[in-house]
C-alpha atoms as a PDB file:
ATOM      1  CA  MET A   1      19.665  29.300   6.072  1.00  0.00           C
ATOM      2  CA  GLN A   2      21.200  28.685   9.520  1.00  0.00           C
ATOM      3  CA  LYS A   3      20.349  31.291  12.147  1.00  0.00           C
ATOM      4  CA  TRP A   4      22.231  31.836  15.405  1.00  0.00           C
ATOM      5  CA  GLU A   5      21.526  33.136  18.870  1.00  0.00           C
ATOM      6  CA  TYR A   6      24.230  34.746  20.994  1.00  0.00           C
ATOM      7  CA  LEU A   7      25.012  34.961  24.694  1.00  0.00           C
ATOM      8  CA  PHE A   8      27.297  37.599  26.233  1.00  0.00           C
ATOM      9  CA  VAL A   9      28.985  36.825  29.556  1.00  0.00           C
ATOM     10  CA  ASP A  10      30.931  39.364  31.633  1.00  0.00           C
ATOM     11  CA  ALA A  11      32.966  37.672  34.348  1.00  0.00           C
ATOM     12  CA  ASN A  12      34.954  39.509  37.009  1.00  0.00           C
ATOM     13  CA  MET A  13      37.421  37.241  38.802  1.00  0.00           C
ATOM     14  CA  TYR A  14      39.297  37.407  42.098  1.00  0.00           C
ATOM     15  CA  PRO A  15      43.010  38.004  41.407  1.00  0.00           C
ATOM     16  CA  PHE A  16      44.017  34.509  42.565  1.00  0.00           C
ATOM     17  CA  GLY A  17      42.050  31.347  41.907  1.00  0.00           C
ATOM     18  CA  ASN A  18      38.946  30.666  39.860  1.00  0.00           C
ATOM     19  CA  LYS A  19      36.277  32.331  42.034  1.00  0.00           C
ATOM     20  CA  LEU A  20      33.952  34.924  40.561  1.00  0.00           C
ATOM     21  CA  ILE A  21      33.386  38.397  41.957  1.00  0.00           C
ATOM     22  CA  SER A  22      30.514  39.011  39.555  1.00  0.00           C
ATOM     23  CA  LEU A  23      28.904  37.264  36.613  1.00  0.00           C
ATOM     24  CA  TYR A  24      26.551  38.905  34.138  1.00  0.00           C
ATOM     25  CA  VAL A  25      24.751  37.152  31.289  1.00  0.00           C
ATOM     26  CA  ASN A  26      23.258  39.450  28.651  1.00  0.00           C
ATOM     27  CA  GLY A  27      23.427  42.297  31.166  1.00  0.00           C
ATOM     28  CA  GLU A  28      21.705  40.491  34.051  1.00  0.00           C
ATOM     29  CA  GLU A  29      23.661  39.474  37.153  1.00  0.00           C
ATOM     30  CA  LEU A  30      23.646  35.798  38.114  1.00  0.00           C
ATOM     31  CA  ARG A  31      24.057  35.948  41.880  1.00  0.00           C
ATOM     32  CA  ASP A  32      23.825  32.148  42.271  1.00  0.00           C
ATOM     33  CA  TRP A  33      27.166  31.706  40.468  1.00  0.00           C
ATOM     34  CA  LYS A  34      28.962  34.490  42.323  1.00  0.00           C
ATOM     35  CA  GLN A  35      30.817  32.086  44.625  1.00  0.00           C
ATOM     36  CA  GLY A  36      31.157  29.435  41.933  1.00  0.00           C
ATOM     37  CA  SER A  37      33.892  28.924  39.385  1.00  0.00           C
ATOM     38  CA  LEU A  38      33.994  30.159  35.820  1.00  0.00           C
ATOM     39  CA  HIS A  39      35.002  26.827  34.305  1.00  0.00           C
ATOM     40  CA  LEU A  40      31.959  25.074  35.838  1.00  0.00           C
ATOM     41  CA  PHE A  41      29.685  27.798  34.461  1.00  0.00           C
ATOM     42  CA  ILE A  42      31.220  27.507  30.978  1.00  0.00           C
ATOM     43  CA  ASN A  43      30.920  23.710  31.062  1.00  0.00           C
ATOM     44  CA  GLN A  44      27.217  24.115  31.910  1.00  0.00           C
ATOM     45  CA  LEU A  45      26.773  26.411  28.912  1.00  0.00           C
ATOM     46  CA  GLY A  46      28.445  23.759  26.740  1.00  0.00           C
ATOM     47  CA  GLU A  47      25.966  21.162  28.029  1.00  0.00           C
ATOM     48  CA  ASP A  48      23.195  23.551  26.961  1.00  0.00           C
ATOM     49  CA  GLY A  49      24.583  23.712  23.420  1.00  0.00           C
ATOM     50  CA  TRP A  50      26.525  26.990  23.655  1.00  0.00           C
ATOM     51  CA  GLU A  51      29.922  27.278  21.949  1.00  0.00           C
ATOM     52  CA  LEU A  52      32.532  29.855  23.028  1.00  0.00           C
ATOM     53  CA  VAL A  53      33.420  31.906  19.934  1.00  0.00           C
ATOM     54  CA  ALA A  54      35.263  34.930  21.371  1.00  0.00           C
ATOM     55  CA  LEU A  55      37.017  36.090  24.532  1.00  0.00           C
ATOM     56  CA  ARG A  56      38.244  39.545  25.471  1.00  0.00           C
ATOM     57  CA  HIS A  57      40.304  40.058  28.620  1.00  0.00           C
ATOM     58  CA  ASP A  58      40.824  43.501  30.177  1.00  0.00           C
ATOM     59  CA  SER A  59      43.949  43.100  32.305  1.00  0.00           C
ATOM     60  CA  LYS A  60      43.557  46.518  33.933  1.00  0.00           C
ATOM     61  CA  TYR A  61      40.298  45.494  35.631  1.00  0.00           C
ATOM     62  CA  ASP A  62      40.765  41.700  35.360  1.00  0.00           C
ATOM     63  CA  GLN A  63      37.457  41.397  33.493  1.00  0.00           C
ATOM     64  CA  ASN A  64      36.549  38.813  30.895  1.00  0.00           C
ATOM     65  CA  CYS A  65      33.939  39.208  28.187  1.00  0.00           C
ATOM     66  CA  LEU A  66      32.968  35.887  26.619  1.00  0.00           C
ATOM     67  CA  ILE A  67      30.708  35.487  23.600  1.00  0.00           C
ATOM     68  CA  PHE A  68      28.876  32.226  22.926  1.00  0.00           C
ATOM     69  CA  LYS A  69      26.634  31.102  20.090  1.00  0.00           C
ATOM     70  CA  ARG A  70      24.396  28.181  19.245  1.00  0.00           C
ATOM     71  CA  PRO A  71      22.051  27.342  16.393  1.00  0.00           C
ATOM     72  CA  LYS A  72      18.726  29.107  16.740  1.00  0.00           C
ATOM     73  CA  ILE A  73      15.703  26.858  16.846  1.00  0.00           C
ATOM     74  CA  VAL A  74      13.102  28.286  14.502  1.00  0.00           C
ATOM     75  CA  LYS A  75       9.550  27.554  15.633  1.00  0.00           C
ATOM     76  CA  GLU A  76       7.064  27.150  12.835  1.00  0.00           C
END
């Protein structure tokens, strides 16, 4: 049976443009991407085998919650 692993990304954006105010992956802040762009980060996740499966946007705080999944590699 196929098993999955999940990745939760919380991205806070500046009101104009594609720059990040903060980026958290599974609850841990990624300071290296803080001045980067969200689309480059998502493309990197795609290169690593992650697929975006859900997105929730909170317009009041301009926050995005993205959920990714990929097949879990079972070590025997």
